[in-house]
C-alpha atoms as a PDB file:
ATOM      1  CA  MET A   1     -23.225 -33.128 -55.204  1.00  0.00           C
ATOM      2  CA  GLN A   2     -19.561 -33.202 -54.222  1.00  0.00           C
ATOM      3  CA  PHE A   3     -19.577 -29.414 -53.604  1.00  0.00           C
ATOM      4  CA  ARG A   4     -22.817 -29.609 -51.616  1.00  0.00           C
ATOM      5  CA  THR A   5     -21.456 -32.518 -49.553  1.00  0.00           C
ATOM      6  CA  LEU A   6     -18.217 -30.676 -48.878  1.00  0.00           C
ATOM      7  CA  THR A   7     -20.129 -27.541 -47.908  1.00  0.00           C
ATOM      8  CA  SER A   8     -22.297 -29.507 -45.510  1.00  0.00           C
ATOM      9  CA  ALA A   9     -19.248 -31.165 -43.968  1.00  0.00           C
ATOM     10  CA  LEU A  10     -17.531 -27.828 -43.474  1.00  0.00           C
ATOM     11  CA  ALA A  11     -20.680 -26.396 -41.925  1.00  0.00           C
ATOM     12  CA  LEU A  12     -20.914 -29.303 -39.495  1.00  0.00           C
ATOM     13  CA  THR A  13     -17.226 -28.933 -38.623  1.00  0.00           C
ATOM     14  CA  ALA A  14     -17.632 -25.200 -38.018  1.00  0.00           C
ATOM     15  CA  ALA A  15     -20.721 -25.793 -35.896  1.00  0.00           C
ATOM     16  CA  ALA A  16     -18.874 -28.381 -33.842  1.00  0.00           C
ATOM     17  CA  ALA A  17     -15.916 -26.014 -33.396  1.00  0.00           C
ATOM     18  CA  LEU A  18     -18.239 -23.234 -32.274  1.00  0.00           C
ATOM     19  CA  ALA A  19     -19.945 -25.581 -29.838  1.00  0.00           C
ATOM     20  CA  LEU A  20     -16.584 -26.664 -28.426  1.00  0.00           C
ATOM     21  CA  ALA A  21     -15.454 -23.048 -28.211  1.00  0.00           C
ATOM     22  CA  GLY A  22     -18.654 -22.181 -26.395  1.00  0.00           C
ATOM     23  CA  CYS A  23     -18.092 -24.998 -23.930  1.00  0.00           C
ATOM     24  CA  SER A  24     -14.491 -23.905 -23.384  1.00  0.00           C
ATOM     25  CA  ALA A  25     -15.517 -20.296 -22.721  1.00  0.00           C
ATOM     26  CA  GLU A  26     -18.266 -21.518 -20.425  1.00  0.00           C
ATOM     27  CA  ASP A  27     -15.854 -23.803 -18.576  1.00  0.00           C
ATOM     28  CA  ALA A  28     -13.339 -20.951 -18.246  1.00  0.00           C
ATOM     29  CA  ALA A  29     -16.029 -18.659 -16.882  1.00  0.00           C
ATOM     30  CA  ASP A  30     -17.100 -21.313 -14.372  1.00  0.00           C
ATOM     31  CA  ALA A  31     -13.488 -21.823 -13.296  1.00  0.00           C
ATOM     32  CA  SER A  32     -13.021 -18.074 -12.913  1.00  0.00           C
ATOM     33  CA  ALA A  33     -16.204 -17.893 -10.854  1.00  0.00           C
ATOM     34  CA  ASP A  34     -14.649 -20.226  -8.267  1.00  0.00           C
ATOM     35  CA  SER A  35     -11.227 -18.535  -8.116  1.00  0.00           C
ATOM     36  CA  ILE A  36     -10.369 -15.645  -5.768  1.00  0.00           C
ATOM     37  CA  THR A  37      -7.160 -13.604  -5.884  1.00  0.00           C
ATOM     38  CA  ILE A  38      -6.016 -11.911  -2.674  1.00  0.00           C
ATOM     39  CA  GLY A  39      -3.432  -9.149  -3.011  1.00  0.00           C
ATOM     40  CA  TYR A  40      -0.858  -8.132  -0.433  1.00  0.00           C
ATOM     41  CA  VAL A  41       2.316  -6.096   0.024  1.00  0.00           C
ATOM     42  CA  PRO A  42       4.854  -8.479   1.650  1.00  0.00           C
ATOM     43  CA  SER A  43       6.261  -5.943   4.111  1.00  0.00           C
ATOM     44  CA  TRP A  44       2.796  -4.961   5.382  1.00  0.00           C
ATOM     45  CA  SER A  45       2.330  -7.786   7.825  1.00  0.00           C
ATOM     46  CA  ASP A  46      -1.260  -6.983   8.785  1.00  0.00           C
ATOM     47  CA  GLY A  47      -2.464  -7.388   5.196  1.00  0.00           C
ATOM     48  CA  LYS A  48      -0.223 -10.372   4.549  1.00  0.00           C
ATOM     49  CA  THR A  49      -1.168 -12.192   7.753  1.00  0.00           C
ATOM     50  CA  SER A  50      -4.914 -11.620   7.469  1.00  0.00           C
ATOM     51  CA  GLY A  51      -4.726 -12.357   3.724  1.00  0.00           C
ATOM     52  CA  PHE A  52      -3.198 -15.797   4.178  1.00  0.00           C
ATOM     53  CA  LEU A  53      -5.706 -16.571   6.935  1.00  0.00           C
ATOM     54  CA  LEU A  54      -8.571 -15.611   4.609  1.00  0.00           C
ATOM     55  CA  LYS A  55      -6.999 -17.750   1.880  1.00  0.00           C
ATOM     56  CA  ASP A  56      -7.217 -20.749   4.206  1.00  0.00           C
ATOM     57  CA  GLN A  57     -10.800 -19.961   5.162  1.00  0.00           C
ATOM     58  CA  PHE A  58     -12.009 -19.274   1.595  1.00  0.00           C
ATOM     59  CA  GLU A  59     -10.449 -22.565   0.481  1.00  0.00           C
ATOM     60  CA  LYS A  60     -12.406 -24.337   3.197  1.00  0.00           C
ATOM     61  CA  LEU A  61     -15.521 -22.740   1.689  1.00  0.00           C
ATOM     62  CA  GLY A  62     -14.611 -24.471  -1.587  1.00  0.00           C
ATOM     63  CA  TYR A  63     -12.801 -21.764  -3.554  1.00  0.00           C
ATOM     64  CA  ASP A  64      -9.469 -21.839  -5.337  1.00  0.00           C
ATOM     65  CA  VAL A  65      -7.453 -18.952  -3.914  1.00  0.00           C
ATOM     66  CA  GLU A  66      -4.301 -17.327  -5.276  1.00  0.00           C
ATOM     67  CA  MET A  67      -2.113 -14.918  -3.342  1.00  0.00           C
ATOM     68  CA  GLN A  68      -0.782 -12.061  -5.478  1.00  0.00           C
ATOM     69  CA  GLU A  69       2.282 -10.192  -4.230  1.00  0.00           C
ATOM     70  CA  LEU A  70       2.330  -6.491  -5.145  1.00  0.00           C
ATOM     71  CA  THR A  71       5.037  -3.915  -4.693  1.00  0.00           C
ATOM     72  CA  GLU A  72       3.291  -0.961  -3.079  1.00  0.00           C
ATOM     73  CA  ALA A  73      -0.044   0.491  -2.026  1.00  0.00           C
ATOM     74  CA  ALA A  74      -0.790   2.495  -5.182  1.00  0.00           C
ATOM     75  CA  VAL A  75      -0.280  -0.543  -7.400  1.00  0.00           C
ATOM     76  CA  LEU A  76      -2.367  -2.708  -5.093  1.00  0.00           C
ATOM     77  CA  TYR A  77      -5.338  -0.345  -4.967  1.00  0.00           C
ATOM     78  CA  THR A  78      -5.254   0.160  -8.735  1.00  0.00           C
ATOM     79  CA  SER A  79      -5.182  -3.608  -9.264  1.00  0.00           C
ATOM     80  CA  LEU A  80      -8.133  -3.975  -6.903  1.00  0.00           C
ATOM     81  CA  ALA A  81     -10.095  -1.210  -8.619  1.00  0.00           C
ATOM     82  CA  GLU A  82      -9.473  -2.754 -12.046  1.00  0.00           C
ATOM     83  CA  GLY A  83     -10.333  -6.274 -10.875  1.00  0.00           C
ATOM     84  CA  SER A  84      -6.990  -7.974 -11.491  1.00  0.00           C
ATOM     85  CA  ILE A  85      -7.103  -8.880  -7.800  1.00  0.00           C
ATOM     86  CA  ASP A  86     -10.316  -9.523  -5.875  1.00  0.00           C
ATOM     87  CA  VAL A  87      -9.522  -8.826  -2.219  1.00  0.00           C
ATOM     88  CA  PHE A  88      -7.167  -6.809  -0.025  1.00  0.00           C
ATOM     89  CA  SER A  89      -7.566  -7.452   3.692  1.00  0.00           C
ATOM     90  CA  GLY A  90      -5.193  -4.789   5.071  1.00  0.00           C
ATOM     91  CA  ALA A  91      -7.117  -1.684   4.011  1.00  0.00           C
ATOM     92  CA  TRP A  92      -6.805   1.332   6.337  1.00  0.00           C
ATOM     93  CA  THR A  93      -9.298   3.292   4.261  1.00  0.00           C
ATOM     94  CA  GLU A  94     -10.718   5.558   6.960  1.00  0.00           C
ATOM     95  CA  ARG A  95      -7.616   7.760   7.114  1.00  0.00           C
ATOM     96  CA  THR A  96      -4.156   6.248   6.640  1.00  0.00           C
ATOM     97  CA  GLN A  97      -4.776   4.894   3.117  1.00  0.00           C
ATOM     98  CA  ALA A  98      -7.808   7.042   2.267  1.00  0.00           C
ATOM     99  CA  GLU A  99      -6.022   8.765  -0.620  1.00  0.00           C
ATOM    100  CA  TYR A 100      -5.900   5.499  -2.580  1.00  0.00           C
ATOM    101  CA  VAL A 101      -9.688   5.170  -2.492  1.00  0.00           C
ATOM    102  CA  ALA A 102     -10.682   8.824  -2.876  1.00  0.00           C
ATOM    103  CA  GLY A 103     -12.520   9.561  -6.104  1.00  0.00           C
ATOM    104  CA  ARG A 104     -13.066   5.933  -7.051  1.00  0.00           C
ATOM    105  CA  GLU A 105     -15.138   4.625  -4.171  1.00  0.00           C
ATOM    106  CA  ASP A 106     -17.519   2.959  -6.628  1.00  0.00           C
ATOM    107  CA  ASP A 107     -14.718   0.633  -7.751  1.00  0.00           C
ATOM    108  CA  PHE A 108     -14.612  -1.090  -4.361  1.00  0.00           C
ATOM    109  CA  GLU A 109     -16.792  -3.037  -1.965  1.00  0.00           C
ATOM    110  CA  ASP A 110     -16.103  -2.739   1.770  1.00  0.00           C
ATOM    111  CA  LEU A 111     -16.766  -6.228   3.107  1.00  0.00           C
ATOM    112  CA  GLY A 112     -16.214  -5.373   6.753  1.00  0.00           C
ATOM    113  CA  THR A 113     -13.767  -4.441   9.504  1.00  0.00           C
ATOM    114  CA  TRP A 114     -11.780  -7.250  11.115  1.00  0.00           C
ATOM    115  CA  TYR A 115      -9.856  -5.040  13.561  1.00  0.00           C
ATOM    116  CA  ASP A 116     -11.163  -1.759  14.960  1.00  0.00           C
ATOM    117  CA  ASN A 117      -8.216  -0.356  16.905  1.00  0.00           C
ATOM    118  CA  GLY A 118      -5.653   0.316  14.182  1.00  0.00           C
ATOM    119  CA  THR A 119      -3.285   3.121  15.138  1.00  0.00           C
ATOM    120  CA  ILE A 120      -0.202   4.751  13.649  1.00  0.00           C
ATOM    121  CA  THR A 121       2.417   5.926  16.100  1.00  0.00           C
ATOM    122  CA  LEU A 122       5.962   7.099  16.679  1.00  0.00           C
ATOM    123  CA  SER A 123       7.625   4.658  19.039  1.00  0.00           C
ATOM    124  CA  VAL A 124      10.813   4.149  21.027  1.00  0.00           C
ATOM    125  CA  PRO A 125      12.261   1.098  22.783  1.00  0.00           C
ATOM    126  CA  ASP A 126      11.000   0.842  26.340  1.00  0.00           C
ATOM    127  CA  TYR A 127      14.433   1.701  27.802  1.00  0.00           C
ATOM    128  CA  VAL A 128      14.299   5.217  26.268  1.00  0.00           C
ATOM    129  CA  ASP A 129      13.190   7.671  28.967  1.00  0.00           C
ATOM    130  CA  ILE A 130      11.208   9.934  26.624  1.00  0.00           C
ATOM    131  CA  THR A 131       7.470   9.252  26.892  1.00  0.00           C
ATOM    132  CA  SER A 132       5.758  11.922  24.761  1.00  0.00           C
ATOM    133  CA  LEU A 133       6.006  13.466  21.302  1.00  0.00           C
ATOM    134  CA  GLU A 134       6.329  16.814  23.078  1.00  0.00           C
ATOM    135  CA  GLU A 135       9.728  15.742  24.433  1.00  0.00           C
ATOM    136  CA  LEU A 136      11.238  14.785  21.076  1.00  0.00           C
ATOM    137  CA  ALA A 137      12.215  18.166  19.576  1.00  0.00           C
ATOM    138  CA  PRO A 138      14.475  19.254  22.484  1.00  0.00           C
ATOM    139  CA  SER A 139      16.140  15.819  22.371  1.00  0.00           C
ATOM    140  CA  ALA A 140      16.789  15.607  18.629  1.00  0.00           C
ATOM    141  CA  ASP A 141      20.555  15.167  19.087  1.00  0.00           C
ATOM    142  CA  ARG A 142      19.988  11.942  21.009  1.00  0.00           C
ATOM    143  CA  PHE A 143      18.391  10.482  17.887  1.00  0.00           C
ATOM    144  CA  ASP A 144      20.792  12.046  15.362  1.00  0.00           C
ATOM    145  CA  GLY A 145      17.847  14.112  14.148  1.00  0.00           C
ATOM    146  CA  LYS A 146      16.285  11.089  12.439  1.00  0.00           C
ATOM    147  CA  ILE A 147      12.934   9.348  12.623  1.00  0.00           C
ATOM    148  CA  ILE A 148      13.373   5.977  10.933  1.00  0.00           C
ATOM    149  CA  GLY A 149      10.439   5.302   8.648  1.00  0.00           C
ATOM    150  CA  ILE A 150       9.183   2.643   6.263  1.00  0.00           C
ATOM    151  CA  GLU A 151       8.209   2.586   2.578  1.00  0.00           C
ATOM    152  CA  PRO A 152       7.721   6.128   1.208  1.00  0.00           C
ATOM    153  CA  SER A 153       4.402   5.116  -0.386  1.00  0.00           C
ATOM    154  CA  ALA A 154       2.863   4.178   2.978  1.00  0.00           C
ATOM    155  CA  GLY A 155       0.059   6.501   4.067  1.00  0.00           C
ATOM    156  CA  GLN A 156       1.607   6.607   7.519  1.00  0.00           C
ATOM    157  CA  MET A 157       4.726   8.286   6.149  1.00  0.00           C
ATOM    158  CA  LYS A 158       2.771  11.106   4.539  1.00  0.00           C
ATOM    159  CA  HIS A 159       0.650  11.658   7.646  1.00  0.00           C
ATOM    160  CA  THR A 160       3.700  11.657   9.912  1.00  0.00           C
ATOM    161  CA  GLU A 161       5.592  14.145   7.750  1.00  0.00           C
ATOM    162  CA  GLU A 162       2.709  16.480   6.918  1.00  0.00           C
ATOM    163  CA  VAL A 163       0.673  16.369  10.141  1.00  0.00           C
ATOM    164  CA  GLY A 164       2.441  14.724  13.069  1.00  0.00           C
ATOM    165  CA  MET A 165       5.881  16.301  12.784  1.00  0.00           C
ATOM    166  CA  PRO A 166       4.777  19.939  12.238  1.00  0.00           C
ATOM    167  CA  ALA A 167       2.363  19.748  15.170  1.00  0.00           C
ATOM    168  CA  TYR A 168       5.226  19.114  17.578  1.00  0.00           C
ATOM    169  CA  GLY A 169       7.924  21.180  15.844  1.00  0.00           C
ATOM    170  CA  LEU A 170       9.732  18.064  14.716  1.00  0.00           C
ATOM    171  CA  ASP A 171       9.959  19.144  11.077  1.00  0.00           C
ATOM    172  CA  SER A 172      12.692  21.641  11.932  1.00  0.00           C
ATOM    173  CA  GLU A 173      14.644  19.243  14.166  1.00  0.00           C
ATOM    174  CA  PHE A 174      14.181  15.846  12.529  1.00  0.00           C
ATOM    175  CA  SER A 175      14.198  14.310   9.074  1.00  0.00           C
ATOM    176  CA  LEU A 176      11.872  11.392   8.333  1.00  0.00           C
ATOM    177  CA  VAL A 177      14.028   8.692   6.767  1.00  0.00           C
ATOM    178  CA  SER A 178      12.248   6.605   4.123  1.00  0.00           C
ATOM    179  CA  SER A 179      13.387   3.011   3.953  1.00  0.00           C
ATOM    180  CA  SER A 180      11.388  -0.206   4.149  1.00  0.00           C
ATOM    181  CA  THR A 181       9.699  -2.080   6.952  1.00  0.00           C
ATOM    182  CA  ALA A 182      12.524  -4.617   6.929  1.00  0.00           C
ATOM    183  CA  ALA A 183      15.195  -1.897   7.072  1.00  0.00           C
ATOM    184  CA  MET A 184      13.375  -0.088   9.874  1.00  0.00           C
ATOM    185  CA  LEU A 185      13.201  -3.310  11.883  1.00  0.00           C
ATOM    186  CA  ALA A 186      16.893  -3.982  11.267  1.00  0.00           C
ATOM    187  CA  SER A 187      17.668  -0.531  12.683  1.00  0.00           C
ATOM    188  CA  VAL A 188      15.473  -1.253  15.716  1.00  0.00           C
ATOM    189  CA  SER A 189      17.168  -4.605  16.276  1.00  0.00           C
ATOM    190  CA  ASP A 190      20.621  -3.017  16.155  1.00  0.00           C
ATOM    191  CA  ALA A 191      19.596  -0.208  18.496  1.00  0.00           C
ATOM    192  CA  VAL A 192      18.008  -2.555  21.028  1.00  0.00           C
ATOM    193  CA  GLU A 193      21.090  -4.769  20.995  1.00  0.00           C
ATOM    194  CA  THR A 194      23.379  -1.842  21.822  1.00  0.00           C
ATOM    195  CA  GLY A 195      20.924   0.155  23.945  1.00  0.00           C
ATOM    196  CA  ASP A 196      21.017   3.165  21.600  1.00  0.00           C
ATOM    197  CA  ASP A 197      18.230   5.726  21.316  1.00  0.00           C
ATOM    198  CA  ILE A 198      16.002   5.376  18.260  1.00  0.00           C
ATOM    199  CA  VAL A 199      12.556   6.640  17.258  1.00  0.00           C
ATOM    200  CA  VAL A 200      10.612   4.901  14.488  1.00  0.00           C
ATOM    201  CA  THR A 201       7.279   4.894  12.734  1.00  0.00           C
ATOM    202  CA  SER A 202       5.197   2.050  14.078  1.00  0.00           C
ATOM    203  CA  TRP A 203       1.563   0.969  14.239  1.00  0.00           C
ATOM    204  CA  ARG A 204      -0.840  -1.371  15.935  1.00  0.00           C
ATOM    205  CA  PRO A 205      -1.433  -4.220  15.460  1.00  0.00           C
ATOM    206  CA  PHE A 206       2.232  -5.084  14.794  1.00  0.00           C
ATOM    207  CA  TRP A 207       4.226  -8.033  16.139  1.00  0.00           C
ATOM    208  CA  ALA A 208       7.439  -5.983  16.484  1.00  0.00           C
ATOM    209  CA  ASN A 209       5.982  -3.888  19.304  1.00  0.00           C
ATOM    210  CA  GLU A 210       6.094  -6.882  21.626  1.00  0.00           C
ATOM    211  CA  VAL A 211       9.249  -8.526  20.258  1.00  0.00           C
ATOM    212  CA  TYR A 212      11.375  -5.361  20.480  1.00  0.00           C
ATOM    213  CA  GLY A 213       9.603  -3.726  23.404  1.00  0.00           C
ATOM    214  CA  LEU A 214       8.489  -0.702  21.403  1.00  0.00           C
ATOM    215  CA  ARG A 215       6.462   1.853  23.344  1.00  0.00           C
ATOM    216  CA  ASP A 216       4.155   4.363  21.674  1.00  0.00           C
ATOM    217  CA  LEU A 217       4.988   7.973  22.429  1.00  0.00           C
ATOM    218  CA  GLU A 218       2.070   9.829  23.953  1.00  0.00           C
ATOM    219  CA  ASP A 219       0.265  12.150  21.548  1.00  0.00           C
ATOM    220  CA  PRO A 220      -1.404  14.804  23.731  1.00  0.00           C
ATOM    221  CA  LYS A 221      -2.503  16.830  20.692  1.00  0.00           C
ATOM    222  CA  GLY A 222      -4.131  13.803  19.099  1.00  0.00           C
ATOM    223  CA  VAL A 223      -2.603  14.549  15.709  1.00  0.00           C
ATOM    224  CA  MET A 224      -1.552  11.009  14.861  1.00  0.00           C
ATOM    225  CA  GLY A 225      -5.225  10.212  14.729  1.00  0.00           C
ATOM    226  CA  THR A 226      -7.833   8.269  16.622  1.00  0.00           C
ATOM    227  CA  PRO A 227      -7.966   4.483  16.124  1.00  0.00           C
ATOM    228  CA  GLU A 228      -9.334   3.311  12.809  1.00  0.00           C
ATOM    229  CA  GLY A 229     -10.547   0.032  11.398  1.00  0.00           C
ATOM    230  CA  ILE A 230      -8.641  -2.376   9.186  1.00  0.00           C
ATOM    231  CA  HIS A 231     -11.016  -3.405   6.416  1.00  0.00           C
ATOM    232  CA  VAL A 232     -11.438  -6.255   3.987  1.00  0.00           C
ATOM    233  CA  LEU A 233     -11.814  -4.430   0.678  1.00  0.00           C
ATOM    234  CA  ALA A 234     -12.956  -6.137  -2.525  1.00  0.00           C
ATOM    235  CA  THR A 235     -13.290  -5.237  -6.170  1.00  0.00           C
ATOM    236  CA  GLN A 236     -16.745  -4.156  -7.303  1.00  0.00           C
ATOM    237  CA  GLY A 237     -19.015  -7.139  -7.970  1.00  0.00           C
ATOM    238  CA  PHE A 238     -17.278  -9.467  -5.528  1.00  0.00           C
ATOM    239  CA  THR A 239     -20.340 -10.058  -3.337  1.00  0.00           C
ATOM    240  CA  GLU A 240     -22.444 -11.058  -6.336  1.00  0.00           C
ATOM    241  CA  ARG A 241     -19.795 -13.536  -7.535  1.00  0.00           C
ATOM    242  CA  PHE A 242     -18.691 -14.904  -4.159  1.00  0.00           C
ATOM    243  CA  SER A 243     -21.594 -14.357  -1.787  1.00  0.00           C
ATOM    244  CA  ASP A 244     -20.572 -16.860   0.897  1.00  0.00           C
ATOM    245  CA  ALA A 245     -16.965 -15.598   0.901  1.00  0.00           C
ATOM    246  CA  ALA A 246     -18.278 -12.036   1.256  1.00  0.00           C
ATOM    247  CA  ASP A 247     -20.540 -13.122   4.121  1.00  0.00           C
ATOM    248  CA  TYR A 248     -17.591 -14.798   5.812  1.00  0.00           C
ATOM    249  CA  ALA A 249     -15.420 -11.685   5.455  1.00  0.00           C
ATOM    250  CA  ALA A 250     -18.198  -9.538   6.937  1.00  0.00           C
ATOM    251  CA  ASP A 251     -18.137 -11.591  10.159  1.00  0.00           C
ATOM    252  CA  PHE A 252     -14.351 -12.081  10.289  1.00  0.00           C
ATOM    253  CA  LYS A 253     -12.853 -10.505  13.457  1.00  0.00           C
ATOM    254  CA  LEU A 254      -9.487 -10.728  15.212  1.00  0.00           C
ATOM    255  CA  ASN A 255      -8.499  -9.306  18.577  1.00  0.00           C
ATOM    256  CA  ASP A 256      -4.977  -8.246  19.555  1.00  0.00           C
ATOM    257  CA  GLU A 257      -3.977 -11.573  21.071  1.00  0.00           C
ATOM    258  CA  ALA A 258      -5.274 -13.676  18.182  1.00  0.00           C
ATOM    259  CA  PHE A 259      -3.695 -11.480  15.543  1.00  0.00           C
ATOM    260  CA  SER A 260      -0.334 -10.986  17.239  1.00  0.00           C
ATOM    261  CA  THR A 261       0.213 -14.723  17.743  1.00  0.00           C
ATOM    262  CA  LEU A 262      -0.535 -15.460  14.091  1.00  0.00           C
ATOM    263  CA  GLU A 263       1.475 -12.499  12.795  1.00  0.00           C
ATOM    264  CA  ASN A 264       4.473 -13.424  14.934  1.00  0.00           C
ATOM    265  CA  ALA A 265       4.341 -17.063  13.825  1.00  0.00           C
ATOM    266  CA  MET A 266       4.122 -16.156  10.148  1.00  0.00           C
ATOM    267  CA  THR A 267       6.854 -13.523  10.387  1.00  0.00           C
ATOM    268  CA  ASN A 268       9.339 -15.094  12.769  1.00  0.00           C
ATOM    269  CA  GLU A 269       8.674 -18.818  13.090  1.00  0.00           C
ATOM    270  CA  TYR A 270       8.095 -19.791   9.461  1.00  0.00           C
ATOM    271  CA  GLU A 271       9.974 -18.965   6.280  1.00  0.00           C
ATOM    272  CA  VAL A 272       8.659 -17.104   3.242  1.00  0.00           C
ATOM    273  CA  GLY A 273       6.708 -19.697   1.283  1.00  0.00           C
ATOM    274  CA  GLU A 274       5.542 -21.446   4.460  1.00  0.00           C
ATOM    275  CA  GLU A 275       2.634 -19.120   5.217  1.00  0.00           C
ATOM    276  CA  ALA A 276       0.047 -21.896   4.790  1.00  0.00           C
ATOM    277  CA  GLU A 277       1.921 -24.021   7.312  1.00  0.00           C
ATOM    278  CA  ALA A 278       1.963 -21.092   9.751  1.00  0.00           C
ATOM    279  CA  VAL A 279      -1.811 -20.702   9.421  1.00  0.00           C
ATOM    280  CA  ASP A 280      -2.398 -24.443   9.896  1.00  0.00           C
ATOM    281  CA  ALA A 281      -0.239 -24.542  13.026  1.00  0.00           C
ATOM    282  CA  TRP A 282      -1.907 -21.440  14.443  1.00  0.00           C
ATOM    283  CA  ILE A 283      -5.406 -22.849  13.876  1.00  0.00           C
ATOM    284  CA  ASP A 284      -4.383 -26.102  15.588  1.00  0.00           C
ATOM    285  CA  GLN A 285      -3.226 -24.086  18.604  1.00  0.00           C
ATOM    286  CA  HIS A 286      -6.082 -21.538  18.570  1.00  0.00           C
ATOM    287  CA  PRO A 287      -9.190 -23.339  17.239  1.00  0.00           C
ATOM    288  CA  ASP A 288     -11.454 -20.907  19.098  1.00  0.00           C
ATOM    289  CA  ALA A 289      -9.584 -17.739  18.129  1.00  0.00           C
ATOM    290  CA  PHE A 290     -12.767 -16.155  16.817  1.00  0.00           C
ATOM    291  CA  PRO A 291     -16.375 -17.237  16.197  1.00  0.00           C
ATOM    292  CA  GLY A 292     -16.782 -18.846  12.786  1.00  0.00           C
ATOM    293  CA  LEU A 293     -13.155 -19.982  12.390  1.00  0.00           C
ATOM    294  CA  LEU A 294     -13.162 -23.000  10.080  1.00  0.00           C
ATOM    295  CA  ALA A 295     -10.740 -25.424  11.648  1.00  0.00           C
ATOM    296  CA  GLU A 296     -11.377 -28.408   9.369  1.00  0.00           C
END
């Protein structure tokens, strides 16, 4: 009797433990179902700015949202493909970052394009009297034979070095200097302050074009590429798990004015760690920035 009673007690305890474990797993799954992770590379202000805006909007839809900082594009796209992050909103997948998607398209969901005029350029301050890429090679000495670039992993750097520079004979006259977005901007700031000539990799949309008076060099051969869209890319299965967030992302659009004001505020008016405050202030000032913006 004692053995049978003990056995029954142990069985009941085990059953209760299994039931509790089941509830815990179920609760964890439910919690995970309501949590979205948005990845971004800090120096890529288009992805960071749009990412923090989407964080605000997804939270207003009722989700818990985490922002995950990643070091470079390859790591970010791998994390997205493997599902350790759910969303990346700065995806230039049509051309500039196409290599990170090629061969594993089935790992991603394209939720939509929020900006359709993304361009990569070589730019100079507006006081520089050169207006076209065709004029750069004969004037290499003015720029110390350097084009100041950004992170070496950026798709723009590869395209500039392998396509843009050879097309205009710049590969024999210039070297493309890899650095970081922050270092490139520091070089621009110094040059503008002293009035020195400088040519840099730039893009649109980008707040620095207006702040530093950067002017795109004309590209008569069209080798830097026609405008492309900036996409909200998600890990496979996102729409099934977060249907209303996916629907929101599909309709999410920003024009140049709306984006540049938010990007400038987040980059120059608020500190790192104050991105949510920047978004709140921007929404207060631009409640009609785009149809569907959730202001409350």
